[in-house]
mmCIF file of all heavy atoms, coordinates in Angstrom:
data_MODEL
# 
_entry.id   MODEL 
# 
loop_
_atom_site.group_PDB 
_atom_site.id 
_atom_site.type_symbol 
_atom_site.label_atom_id 
_atom_site.label_alt_id 
_atom_site.label_comp_id 
_atom_site.label_asym_id 
_atom_site.label_entity_id 
_atom_site.label_seq_id 
_atom_site.pdbx_PDB_ins_code 
_atom_site.Cartn_x 
_atom_site.Cartn_y 
_atom_site.Cartn_z 
_atom_site.occupancy 
_atom_site.B_iso_or_equiv 
_atom_site.pdbx_formal_charge 
_atom_site.auth_seq_id 
_atom_site.auth_comp_id 
_atom_site.auth_asym_id 
_atom_site.auth_atom_id 
_atom_site.pdbx_PDB_model_num 
ATOM 1   N N   . ALA A 1 1  ? 8.519   3.558  5.570   1.00 0.00 ? 1  ALA A N   1 
ATOM 2   C CA  . ALA A 1 1  ? 7.926   4.004  4.304   1.00 0.00 ? 1  ALA A CA  1 
ATOM 3   C C   . ALA A 1 1  ? 8.991   4.149  3.199   1.00 0.00 ? 1  ALA A C   1 
ATOM 4   O O   . ALA A 1 1  ? 8.687   4.014  2.024   1.00 0.00 ? 1  ALA A O   1 
ATOM 5   C CB  . ALA A 1 1  ? 7.212   5.334  4.490   1.00 0.00 ? 1  ALA A CB  1 
ATOM 6   N N   . LYS A 1 2  ? 10.233  4.392  3.599   1.00 0.00 ? 2  LYS A N   1 
ATOM 7   C CA  . LYS A 1 2  ? 11.297  4.557  2.585   1.00 0.00 ? 2  LYS A CA  1 
ATOM 8   C C   . LYS A 1 2  ? 11.594  3.242  1.895   1.00 0.00 ? 2  LYS A C   1 
ATOM 9   O O   . LYS A 1 2  ? 12.184  3.231  0.822   1.00 0.00 ? 2  LYS A O   1 
ATOM 10  C CB  . LYS A 1 2  ? 12.563  5.117  3.244   1.00 0.00 ? 2  LYS A CB  1 
ATOM 11  C CG  . LYS A 1 2  ? 12.402  6.520  3.715   1.00 0.00 ? 2  LYS A CG  1 
ATOM 12  C CD  . LYS A 1 2  ? 13.657  7.100  4.358   1.00 0.00 ? 2  LYS A CD  1 
ATOM 13  C CE  . LYS A 1 2  ? 13.421  8.533  4.766   1.00 0.00 ? 2  LYS A CE  1 
ATOM 14  N NZ  . LYS A 1 2  ? 14.628  9.173  5.225   1.00 0.00 ? 2  LYS A NZ  1 
ATOM 15  N N   . CYS A 1 3  ? 11.206  2.119  2.491   1.00 0.00 ? 3  CYS A N   1 
ATOM 16  C CA  . CYS A 1 3  ? 11.401  0.803  1.863   1.00 0.00 ? 3  CYS A CA  1 
ATOM 17  C C   . CYS A 1 3  ? 10.310  0.502  0.851   1.00 0.00 ? 3  CYS A C   1 
ATOM 18  O O   . CYS A 1 3  ? 10.433  -0.448 0.077   1.00 0.00 ? 3  CYS A O   1 
ATOM 19  C CB  . CYS A 1 3  ? 11.389  -0.295 2.930   1.00 0.00 ? 3  CYS A CB  1 
ATOM 20  S SG  . CYS A 1 3  ? 12.669  -0.118 4.182   1.00 0.00 ? 3  CYS A SG  1 
ATOM 21  N N   . ILE A 1 4  ? 9.245   1.255  0.860   1.00 0.00 ? 4  ILE A N   1 
ATOM 22  C CA  . ILE A 1 4  ? 8.090   1.029  -0.025  1.00 0.00 ? 4  ILE A CA  1 
ATOM 23  C C   . ILE A 1 4  ? 8.329   1.785  -1.316  1.00 0.00 ? 4  ILE A C   1 
ATOM 24  O O   . ILE A 1 4  ? 8.379   3.023  -1.338  1.00 0.00 ? 4  ILE A O   1 
ATOM 25  C CB  . ILE A 1 4  ? 6.777   1.459  0.647   1.00 0.00 ? 4  ILE A CB  1 
ATOM 26  C CG1 . ILE A 1 4  ? 6.585   0.640  1.935   1.00 0.00 ? 4  ILE A CG1 1 
ATOM 27  C CG2 . ILE A 1 4  ? 5.588   1.282  -0.316  1.00 0.00 ? 4  ILE A CG2 1 
ATOM 28  C CD1 . ILE A 1 4  ? 5.474   1.163  2.829   1.00 0.00 ? 4  ILE A CD1 1 
ATOM 29  N N   . LYS A 1 5  ? 8.511   1.046  -2.403  1.00 0.00 ? 5  LYS A N   1 
ATOM 30  C CA  . LYS A 1 5  ? 8.862   1.634  -3.701  1.00 0.00 ? 5  LYS A CA  1 
ATOM 31  C C   . LYS A 1 5  ? 7.641   1.848  -4.608  1.00 0.00 ? 5  LYS A C   1 
ATOM 32  O O   . LYS A 1 5  ? 7.654   2.707  -5.489  1.00 0.00 ? 5  LYS A O   1 
ATOM 33  C CB  . LYS A 1 5  ? 9.895   0.780  -4.425  1.00 0.00 ? 5  LYS A CB  1 
ATOM 34  C CG  . LYS A 1 5  ? 11.161  0.540  -3.586  1.00 0.00 ? 5  LYS A CG  1 
ATOM 35  C CD  . LYS A 1 5  ? 11.809  1.835  -3.136  1.00 0.00 ? 5  LYS A CD  1 
ATOM 36  C CE  . LYS A 1 5  ? 13.029  1.592  -2.269  1.00 0.00 ? 5  LYS A CE  1 
ATOM 37  N NZ  . LYS A 1 5  ? 13.592  2.817  -1.732  1.00 0.00 ? 5  LYS A NZ  1 
ATOM 38  N N   . LYS A 1 6  ? 6.575   1.081  -4.382  1.00 0.00 ? 6  LYS A N   1 
ATOM 39  C CA  . LYS A 1 6  ? 5.324   1.208  -5.139  1.00 0.00 ? 6  LYS A CA  1 
ATOM 40  C C   . LYS A 1 6  ? 4.172   0.935  -4.205  1.00 0.00 ? 6  LYS A C   1 
ATOM 41  O O   . LYS A 1 6  ? 4.268   0.075  -3.346  1.00 0.00 ? 6  LYS A O   1 
ATOM 42  C CB  . LYS A 1 6  ? 5.258   0.189  -6.295  1.00 0.00 ? 6  LYS A CB  1 
ATOM 43  C CG  . LYS A 1 6  ? 6.265   0.395  -7.394  1.00 0.00 ? 6  LYS A CG  1 
ATOM 44  C CD  . LYS A 1 6  ? 6.088   -0.695 -8.467  1.00 0.00 ? 6  LYS A CD  1 
ATOM 45  C CE  . LYS A 1 6  ? 7.261   -0.631 -9.435  1.00 0.00 ? 6  LYS A CE  1 
ATOM 46  N NZ  . LYS A 1 6  ? 7.250   -1.803 -10.335 1.00 0.00 ? 6  LYS A NZ  1 
ATOM 47  N N   . ALA A 1 7  ? 3.074   1.669  -4.405  1.00 0.00 ? 7  ALA A N   1 
ATOM 48  C CA  . ALA A 1 7  ? 1.860   1.472  -3.612  1.00 0.00 ? 7  ALA A CA  1 
ATOM 49  C C   . ALA A 1 7  ? 0.651   1.607  -4.544  1.00 0.00 ? 7  ALA A C   1 
ATOM 50  O O   . ALA A 1 7  ? 0.569   2.604  -5.268  1.00 0.00 ? 7  ALA A O   1 
ATOM 51  C CB  . ALA A 1 7  ? 1.787   2.441  -2.480  1.00 0.00 ? 7  ALA A CB  1 
ATOM 52  N N   . GLU A 1 8  ? -0.225  0.621  -4.482  1.00 0.00 ? 8  GLU A N   1 
ATOM 53  C CA  . GLU A 1 8  ? -1.424  0.639  -5.314  1.00 0.00 ? 8  GLU A CA  1 
ATOM 54  C C   . GLU A 1 8  ? -2.641  0.277  -4.489  1.00 0.00 ? 8  GLU A C   1 
ATOM 55  O O   . GLU A 1 8  ? -2.654  -0.754 -3.819  1.00 0.00 ? 8  GLU A O   1 
ATOM 56  C CB  . GLU A 1 8  ? -1.238  -0.388 -6.461  1.00 0.00 ? 8  GLU A CB  1 
ATOM 57  C CG  . GLU A 1 8  ? -2.428  -0.585 -7.319  1.00 0.00 ? 8  GLU A CG  1 
ATOM 58  C CD  . GLU A 1 8  ? -2.248  -1.766 -8.289  1.00 0.00 ? 8  GLU A CD  1 
ATOM 59  O OE1 . GLU A 1 8  ? -1.148  -2.366 -8.338  1.00 0.00 ? 8  GLU A OE1 1 
ATOM 60  O OE2 . GLU A 1 8  ? -3.216  -2.068 -8.978  1.00 0.00 ? 8  GLU A OE2 1 
ATOM 61  N N   . LEU A 1 9  ? -3.659  1.127  -4.522  1.00 0.00 ? 9  LEU A N   1 
ATOM 62  C CA  . LEU A 1 9  ? -4.918  0.837  -3.859  1.00 0.00 ? 9  LEU A CA  1 
ATOM 63  C C   . LEU A 1 9  ? -5.631  -0.235 -4.670  1.00 0.00 ? 9  LEU A C   1 
ATOM 64  O O   . LEU A 1 9  ? -5.813  -0.096 -5.879  1.00 0.00 ? 9  LEU A O   1 
ATOM 65  C CB  . LEU A 1 9  ? -5.774  2.111  -3.790  1.00 0.00 ? 9  LEU A CB  1 
ATOM 66  C CG  . LEU A 1 9  ? -7.144  1.966  -3.177  1.00 0.00 ? 9  LEU A CG  1 
ATOM 67  C CD1 . LEU A 1 9  ? -7.037  1.744  -1.685  1.00 0.00 ? 9  LEU A CD1 1 
ATOM 68  C CD2 . LEU A 1 9  ? -7.958  3.207  -3.471  1.00 0.00 ? 9  LEU A CD2 1 
ATOM 69  N N   . ILE A 1 10 ? -6.020  -1.359 -4.027  1.00 0.00 ? 10 ILE A N   1 
ATOM 70  C CA  . ILE A 1 10 ? -6.664  -2.431 -4.798  1.00 0.00 ? 10 ILE A CA  1 
ATOM 71  C C   . ILE A 1 10 ? -8.109  -2.718 -4.359  1.00 0.00 ? 10 ILE A C   1 
ATOM 72  O O   . ILE A 1 10 ? -8.871  -3.308 -5.110  1.00 0.00 ? 10 ILE A O   1 
ATOM 73  C CB  . ILE A 1 10 ? -5.850  -3.738 -4.788  1.00 0.00 ? 10 ILE A CB  1 
ATOM 74  C CG1 . ILE A 1 10 ? -5.615  -4.284 -3.389  1.00 0.00 ? 10 ILE A CG1 1 
ATOM 75  C CG2 . ILE A 1 10 ? -4.544  -3.553 -5.524  1.00 0.00 ? 10 ILE A CG2 1 
ATOM 76  C CD1 . ILE A 1 10 ? -4.993  -5.670 -3.356  1.00 0.00 ? 10 ILE A CD1 1 
ATOM 77  N N   . ALA A 1 11 ? -8.513  -2.276 -3.154  1.00 0.00 ? 11 ALA A N   1 
ATOM 78  C CA  . ALA A 1 11 ? -9.891  -2.546 -2.730  1.00 0.00 ? 11 ALA A CA  1 
ATOM 79  C C   . ALA A 1 11 ? -10.210 -1.783 -1.442  1.00 0.00 ? 11 ALA A C   1 
ATOM 80  O O   . ALA A 1 11 ? -9.314  -1.365 -0.724  1.00 0.00 ? 11 ALA A O   1 
ATOM 81  C CB  . ALA A 1 11 ? -10.114 -4.029 -2.489  1.00 0.00 ? 11 ALA A CB  1 
ATOM 82  N N   . TYR A 1 12 ? -11.520 -1.675 -1.169  1.00 0.00 ? 12 TYR A N   1 
ATOM 83  C CA  . TYR A 1 12 ? -12.049 -1.092 0.083   1.00 0.00 ? 12 TYR A CA  1 
ATOM 84  C C   . TYR A 1 12 ? -11.607 0.379  0.255   1.00 0.00 ? 12 TYR A C   1 
ATOM 85  O O   . TYR A 1 12 ? -11.290 0.785  1.364   1.00 0.00 ? 12 TYR A O   1 
ATOM 86  C CB  . TYR A 1 12 ? -11.647 -1.937 1.282   1.00 0.00 ? 12 TYR A CB  1 
ATOM 87  C CG  . TYR A 1 12 ? -11.877 -3.421 1.165   1.00 0.00 ? 12 TYR A CG  1 
ATOM 88  C CD1 . TYR A 1 12 ? -11.027 -4.313 1.779   1.00 0.00 ? 12 TYR A CD1 1 
ATOM 89  C CD2 . TYR A 1 12 ? -12.954 -3.941 0.419   1.00 0.00 ? 12 TYR A CD2 1 
ATOM 90  C CE1 . TYR A 1 12 ? -11.250 -5.692 1.682   1.00 0.00 ? 12 TYR A CE1 1 
ATOM 91  C CE2 . TYR A 1 12 ? -13.157 -5.310 0.313   1.00 0.00 ? 12 TYR A CE2 1 
ATOM 92  C CZ  . TYR A 1 12 ? -12.298 -6.189 0.925   1.00 0.00 ? 12 TYR A CZ  1 
ATOM 93  O OH  . TYR A 1 12 ? -12.510 -7.546 0.845   1.00 0.00 ? 12 TYR A OH  1 
ATOM 94  N N   . GLU A 1 13 ? -11.658 1.125  -0.787  1.00 0.00 ? 13 GLU A N   1 
ATOM 95  C CA  . GLU A 1 13 ? -11.241 2.539  -0.720  1.00 0.00 ? 13 GLU A CA  1 
ATOM 96  C C   . GLU A 1 13 ? -11.994 3.297  0.355   1.00 0.00 ? 13 GLU A C   1 
ATOM 97  O O   . GLU A 1 13 ? -11.481 4.218  0.978   1.00 0.00 ? 13 GLU A O   1 
ATOM 98  C CB  . GLU A 1 13 ? -11.448 3.220  -2.093  1.00 0.00 ? 13 GLU A CB  1 
ATOM 99  C CG  . GLU A 1 13 ? -10.943 4.608  -2.151  1.00 0.00 ? 13 GLU A CG  1 
ATOM 100 C CD  . GLU A 1 13 ? -11.002 5.221  -3.546  1.00 0.00 ? 13 GLU A CD  1 
ATOM 101 O OE1 . GLU A 1 13 ? -11.516 4.570  -4.486  1.00 0.00 ? 13 GLU A OE1 1 
ATOM 102 O OE2 . GLU A 1 13 ? -10.498 6.339  -3.703  1.00 0.00 ? 13 GLU A OE2 1 
ATOM 103 N N   . ASP A 1 14 ? -13.267 2.890  0.597   1.00 0.00 ? 14 ASP A N   1 
ATOM 104 C CA  . ASP A 1 14 ? -14.060 3.566  1.624   1.00 0.00 ? 14 ASP A CA  1 
ATOM 105 C C   . ASP A 1 14 ? -13.469 3.451  3.032   1.00 0.00 ? 14 ASP A C   1 
ATOM 106 O O   . ASP A 1 14 ? -13.871 4.195  3.924   1.00 0.00 ? 14 ASP A O   1 
ATOM 107 C CB  . ASP A 1 14 ? -15.496 3.029  1.603   1.00 0.00 ? 14 ASP A CB  1 
ATOM 108 C CG  . ASP A 1 14 ? -15.561 1.541  1.959   1.00 0.00 ? 14 ASP A CG  1 
ATOM 109 O OD1 . ASP A 1 14 ? -14.900 0.762  1.254   1.00 0.00 ? 14 ASP A OD1 1 
ATOM 110 O OD2 . ASP A 1 14 ? -16.253 1.188  2.912   1.00 0.00 ? 14 ASP A OD2 1 
ATOM 111 N N   . LEU A 1 15 ? -12.531 2.555  3.226   1.00 0.00 ? 15 LEU A N   1 
ATOM 112 C CA  . LEU A 1 15 ? -11.916 2.413  4.551   1.00 0.00 ? 15 LEU A CA  1 
ATOM 113 C C   . LEU A 1 15 ? -10.765 3.371  4.783   1.00 0.00 ? 15 LEU A C   1 
ATOM 114 O O   . LEU A 1 15 ? -10.139 3.338  5.851   1.00 0.00 ? 15 LEU A O   1 
ATOM 115 C CB  . LEU A 1 15 ? -11.424 0.944  4.742   1.00 0.00 ? 15 LEU A CB  1 
ATOM 116 C CG  . LEU A 1 15 ? -12.491 -0.120 4.730   1.00 0.00 ? 15 LEU A CG  1 
ATOM 117 C CD1 . LEU A 1 15 ? -11.862 -1.506 4.870   1.00 0.00 ? 15 LEU A CD1 1 
ATOM 118 C CD2 . LEU A 1 15 ? -13.538 0.119  5.791   1.00 0.00 ? 15 LEU A CD2 1 
ATOM 119 N N   . GLY A 1 16 ? -10.492 4.227  3.822   1.00 0.00 ? 16 GLY A N   1 
ATOM 120 C CA  . GLY A 1 16 ? -9.432  5.248  3.990   1.00 0.00 ? 16 GLY A CA  1 
ATOM 121 C C   . GLY A 1 16 ? -8.066  4.592  4.205   1.00 0.00 ? 16 GLY A C   1 
ATOM 122 O O   . GLY A 1 16 ? -7.605  3.787  3.411   1.00 0.00 ? 16 GLY A O   1 
ATOM 123 N N   . ALA A 1 17 ? -7.433  4.938  5.325   1.00 0.00 ? 17 ALA A N   1 
ATOM 124 C CA  . ALA A 1 17 ? -6.095  4.398  5.623   1.00 0.00 ? 17 ALA A CA  1 
ATOM 125 C C   . ALA A 1 17 ? -6.097  2.884  5.731   1.00 0.00 ? 17 ALA A C   1 
ATOM 126 O O   . ALA A 1 17 ? -5.095  2.244  5.490   1.00 0.00 ? 17 ALA A O   1 
ATOM 127 C CB  . ALA A 1 17 ? -5.574  5.007  6.927   1.00 0.00 ? 17 ALA A CB  1 
ATOM 128 N N   . GLU A 1 18 ? -7.278  2.287  6.049   1.00 0.00 ? 18 GLU A N   1 
ATOM 129 C CA  . GLU A 1 18 ? -7.365  0.860  6.198   1.00 0.00 ? 18 GLU A CA  1 
ATOM 130 C C   . GLU A 1 18 ? -7.703  0.139  4.890   1.00 0.00 ? 18 GLU A C   1 
ATOM 131 O O   . GLU A 1 18 ? -7.915  -1.091 4.900   1.00 0.00 ? 18 GLU A O   1 
ATOM 132 C CB  . GLU A 1 18 ? -8.359  0.486  7.297   1.00 0.00 ? 18 GLU A CB  1 
ATOM 133 C CG  . GLU A 1 18 ? -7.902  0.925  8.652   1.00 0.00 ? 18 GLU A CG  1 
ATOM 134 C CD  . GLU A 1 18 ? -8.655  0.248  9.776   1.00 0.00 ? 18 GLU A CD  1 
ATOM 135 O OE1 . GLU A 1 18 ? -8.990  -0.932 9.663   1.00 0.00 ? 18 GLU A OE1 1 
ATOM 136 O OE2 . GLU A 1 18 ? -8.939  0.948  10.766  1.00 0.00 ? 18 GLU A OE2 1 
ATOM 137 N N   . ALA A 1 19 ? -7.754  0.846  3.785   1.00 0.00 ? 19 ALA A N   1 
ATOM 138 C CA  . ALA A 1 19 ? -8.037  0.223  2.507   1.00 0.00 ? 19 ALA A CA  1 
ATOM 139 C C   . ALA A 1 19 ? -6.933  -0.796 2.189   1.00 0.00 ? 19 ALA A C   1 
ATOM 140 O O   . ALA A 1 19 ? -5.837  -0.751 2.707   1.00 0.00 ? 19 ALA A O   1 
ATOM 141 C CB  . ALA A 1 19 ? -8.077  1.295  1.396   1.00 0.00 ? 19 ALA A CB  1 
ATOM 142 N N   . LEU A 1 20 ? -7.305  -1.723 1.318   1.00 0.00 ? 20 LEU A N   1 
ATOM 143 C CA  . LEU A 1 20 ? -6.357  -2.769 0.903   1.00 0.00 ? 20 LEU A CA  1 
ATOM 144 C C   . LEU A 1 20 ? -5.410  -2.204 -0.140  1.00 0.00 ? 20 LEU A C   1 
ATOM 145 O O   . LEU A 1 20 ? -5.839  -1.653 -1.152  1.00 0.00 ? 20 LEU A O   1 
ATOM 146 C CB  . LEU A 1 20 ? -7.131  -3.935 0.318   1.00 0.00 ? 20 LEU A CB  1 
ATOM 147 C CG  . LEU A 1 20 ? -6.663  -5.319 0.704   1.00 0.00 ? 20 LEU A CG  1 
ATOM 148 C CD1 . LEU A 1 20 ? -7.341  -5.706 1.992   1.00 0.00 ? 20 LEU A CD1 1 
ATOM 149 C CD2 . LEU A 1 20 ? -7.026  -6.283 -0.375  1.00 0.00 ? 20 LEU A CD2 1 
ATOM 150 N N   . ARG A 1 21 ? -4.117  -2.361 0.104   1.00 0.00 ? 21 ARG A N   1 
ATOM 151 C CA  . ARG A 1 21 ? -3.093  -1.869 -0.835  1.00 0.00 ? 21 ARG A CA  1 
ATOM 152 C C   . ARG A 1 21 ? -2.132  -2.987 -1.185  1.00 0.00 ? 21 ARG A C   1 
ATOM 153 O O   . ARG A 1 21 ? -1.861  -3.879 -0.362  1.00 0.00 ? 21 ARG A O   1 
ATOM 154 C CB  . ARG A 1 21 ? -2.328  -0.707 -0.230  1.00 0.00 ? 21 ARG A CB  1 
ATOM 155 C CG  . ARG A 1 21 ? -3.093  0.573  -0.122  1.00 0.00 ? 21 ARG A CG  1 
ATOM 156 C CD  . ARG A 1 21 ? -2.315  1.671  0.603   1.00 0.00 ? 21 ARG A CD  1 
ATOM 157 N NE  . ARG A 1 21 ? -3.065  2.902  0.567   1.00 0.00 ? 21 ARG A NE  1 
ATOM 158 C CZ  . ARG A 1 21 ? -4.107  3.177  1.343   1.00 0.00 ? 21 ARG A CZ  1 
ATOM 159 N NH1 . ARG A 1 21 ? -4.545  2.272  2.198   1.00 0.00 ? 21 ARG A NH1 1 
ATOM 160 N NH2 . ARG A 1 21 ? -4.731  4.324  1.258   1.00 0.00 ? 21 ARG A NH2 1 
ATOM 161 N N   . LYS A 1 22 ? -1.588  -2.901 -2.367  1.00 0.00 ? 22 LYS A N   1 
ATOM 162 C CA  . LYS A 1 22 ? -0.513  -3.778 -2.829  1.00 0.00 ? 22 LYS A CA  1 
ATOM 163 C C   . LYS A 1 22 ? 0.720   -2.915 -2.817  1.00 0.00 ? 22 LYS A C   1 
ATOM 164 O O   . LYS A 1 22 ? 0.789   -1.875 -3.473  1.00 0.00 ? 22 LYS A O   1 
ATOM 165 C CB  . LYS A 1 22 ? -0.826  -4.299 -4.241  1.00 0.00 ? 22 LYS A CB  1 
ATOM 166 C CG  . LYS A 1 22 ? 0.209   -5.192 -4.825  1.00 0.00 ? 22 LYS A CG  1 
ATOM 167 C CD  . LYS A 1 22 ? -0.213  -5.636 -6.239  1.00 0.00 ? 22 LYS A CD  1 
ATOM 168 C CE  . LYS A 1 22 ? 0.826   -6.484 -6.892  1.00 0.00 ? 22 LYS A CE  1 
ATOM 169 N NZ  . LYS A 1 22 ? 0.397   -6.909 -8.262  1.00 0.00 ? 22 LYS A NZ  1 
ATOM 170 N N   . LEU A 1 23 ? 1.736   -3.376 -2.077  1.00 0.00 ? 23 LEU A N   1 
ATOM 171 C CA  . LEU A 1 23 ? 2.993   -2.642 -1.978  1.00 0.00 ? 23 LEU A CA  1 
ATOM 172 C C   . LEU A 1 23 ? 4.143   -3.464 -2.542  1.00 0.00 ? 23 LEU A C   1 
ATOM 173 O O   . LEU A 1 23 ? 4.135   -4.678 -2.449  1.00 0.00 ? 23 LEU A O   1 
ATOM 174 C CB  . LEU A 1 23 ? 3.332   -2.344 -0.524  1.00 0.00 ? 23 LEU A CB  1 
ATOM 175 C CG  . LEU A 1 23 ? 2.304   -1.622 0.336   1.00 0.00 ? 23 LEU A CG  1 
ATOM 176 C CD1 . LEU A 1 23 ? 2.867   -1.425 1.766   1.00 0.00 ? 23 LEU A CD1 1 
ATOM 177 C CD2 . LEU A 1 23 ? 1.874   -0.293 -0.245  1.00 0.00 ? 23 LEU A CD2 1 
ATOM 178 N N   . TYR A 1 24 ? 5.087   -2.753 -3.112  1.00 0.00 ? 24 TYR A N   1 
ATOM 179 C CA  . TYR A 1 24 ? 6.355   -3.386 -3.488  1.00 0.00 ? 24 TYR A CA  1 
ATOM 180 C C   . TYR A 1 24 ? 7.394   -2.808 -2.562  1.00 0.00 ? 24 TYR A C   1 
ATOM 181 O O   . TYR A 1 24 ? 7.574   -1.554 -2.509  1.00 0.00 ? 24 TYR A O   1 
ATOM 182 C CB  . TYR A 1 24 ? 6.745   -3.156 -4.951  1.00 0.00 ? 24 TYR A CB  1 
ATOM 183 C CG  . TYR A 1 24 ? 8.036   -3.876 -5.275  1.00 0.00 ? 24 TYR A CG  1 
ATOM 184 C CD1 . TYR A 1 24 ? 8.040   -5.236 -5.552  1.00 0.00 ? 24 TYR A CD1 1 
ATOM 185 C CD2 . TYR A 1 24 ? 9.251   -3.183 -5.253  1.00 0.00 ? 24 TYR A CD2 1 
ATOM 186 C CE1 . TYR A 1 24 ? 9.222   -5.901 -5.804  1.00 0.00 ? 24 TYR A CE1 1 
ATOM 187 C CE2 . TYR A 1 24 ? 10.443  -3.856 -5.512  1.00 0.00 ? 24 TYR A CE2 1 
ATOM 188 C CZ  . TYR A 1 24 ? 10.435  -5.214 -5.780  1.00 0.00 ? 24 TYR A CZ  1 
ATOM 189 O OH  . TYR A 1 24 ? 11.590  -5.871 -6.023  1.00 0.00 ? 24 TYR A OH  1 
ATOM 190 N N   . VAL A 1 25 ? 8.038   -3.662 -1.780  1.00 0.00 ? 25 VAL A N   1 
ATOM 191 C CA  . VAL A 1 25 ? 9.048   -3.206 -0.813  1.00 0.00 ? 25 VAL A CA  1 
ATOM 192 C C   . VAL A 1 25 ? 10.439  -3.713 -1.189  1.00 0.00 ? 25 VAL A C   1 
ATOM 193 O O   . VAL A 1 25 ? 10.564  -4.766 -1.813  1.00 0.00 ? 25 VAL A O   1 
ATOM 194 C CB  . VAL A 1 25 ? 8.700   -3.643 0.645   1.00 0.00 ? 25 VAL A CB  1 
ATOM 195 C CG1 . VAL A 1 25 ? 7.373   -3.060 1.086   1.00 0.00 ? 25 VAL A CG1 1 
ATOM 196 C CG2 . VAL A 1 25 ? 8.668   -5.150 0.784   1.00 0.00 ? 25 VAL A CG2 1 
ATOM 197 N N   . GLU A 1 26 ? 11.416  -2.968 -0.810  1.00 0.00 ? 26 GLU A N   1 
ATOM 198 C CA  . GLU A 1 26 ? 12.830  -3.372 -0.970  1.00 0.00 ? 26 GLU A CA  1 
ATOM 199 C C   . GLU A 1 26 ? 13.549  -3.269 0.355   1.00 0.00 ? 26 GLU A C   1 
ATOM 200 O O   . GLU A 1 26 ? 13.555  -2.213 0.997   1.00 0.00 ? 26 GLU A O   1 
ATOM 201 C CB  . GLU A 1 26 ? 13.527  -2.501 -2.012  1.00 0.00 ? 26 GLU A CB  1 
ATOM 202 C CG  . GLU A 1 26 ? 13.036  -2.733 -3.420  1.00 0.00 ? 26 GLU A CG  1 
ATOM 203 C CD  . GLU A 1 26 ? 13.772  -1.861 -4.444  1.00 0.00 ? 26 GLU A CD  1 
ATOM 204 O OE1 . GLU A 1 26 ? 14.636  -1.022 -4.076  1.00 0.00 ? 26 GLU A OE1 1 
ATOM 205 O OE2 . GLU A 1 26 ? 13.435  -1.992 -5.634  1.00 0.00 ? 26 GLU A OE2 1 
ATOM 206 N N   . ASP A 1 27 ? 14.133  -4.399 0.769   1.00 0.00 ? 27 ASP A N   1 
ATOM 207 C CA  . ASP A 1 27 ? 14.918  -4.473 2.017   1.00 0.00 ? 27 ASP A CA  1 
ATOM 208 C C   . ASP A 1 27 ? 14.168  -3.886 3.235   1.00 0.00 ? 27 ASP A C   1 
ATOM 209 O O   . ASP A 1 27 ? 14.752  -3.100 4.021   1.00 0.00 ? 27 ASP A O   1 
ATOM 210 C CB  . ASP A 1 27 ? 16.278  -3.774 1.822   1.00 0.00 ? 27 ASP A CB  1 
ATOM 211 C CG  . ASP A 1 27 ? 17.155  -4.528 0.861   1.00 0.00 ? 27 ASP A CG  1 
ATOM 212 O OD1 . ASP A 1 27 ? 16.965  -5.750 0.683   1.00 0.00 ? 27 ASP A OD1 1 
ATOM 213 O OD2 . ASP A 1 27 ? 18.068  -3.896 0.267   1.00 0.00 ? 27 ASP A OD2 1 
ATOM 214 N N   . MET A 1 28 ? 12.945  -4.289 3.404   1.00 0.00 ? 28 MET A N   1 
ATOM 215 C CA  . MET A 1 28 ? 12.151  -3.868 4.565   1.00 0.00 ? 28 MET A CA  1 
ATOM 216 C C   . MET A 1 28 ? 12.645  -4.654 5.778   1.00 0.00 ? 28 MET A C   1 
ATOM 217 O O   . MET A 1 28 ? 12.570  -5.875 5.813   1.00 0.00 ? 28 MET A O   1 
ATOM 218 C CB  . MET A 1 28 ? 10.678  -4.129 4.331   1.00 0.00 ? 28 MET A CB  1 
ATOM 219 C CG  . MET A 1 28 ? 9.792   -3.710 5.469   1.00 0.00 ? 28 MET A CG  1 
ATOM 220 S SD  . MET A 1 28 ? 8.055   -4.057 5.065   1.00 0.00 ? 28 MET A SD  1 
ATOM 221 C CE  . MET A 1 28 ? 7.268   -3.443 6.536   1.00 0.00 ? 28 MET A CE  1 
# 
């Protein structure tokens, strides 16, 4: 999680943790 610099929910919010997210990662 420390490699994840941005997180944005983009779809399927009703799925909770399984919702679709767009992440920006650095050196994952």
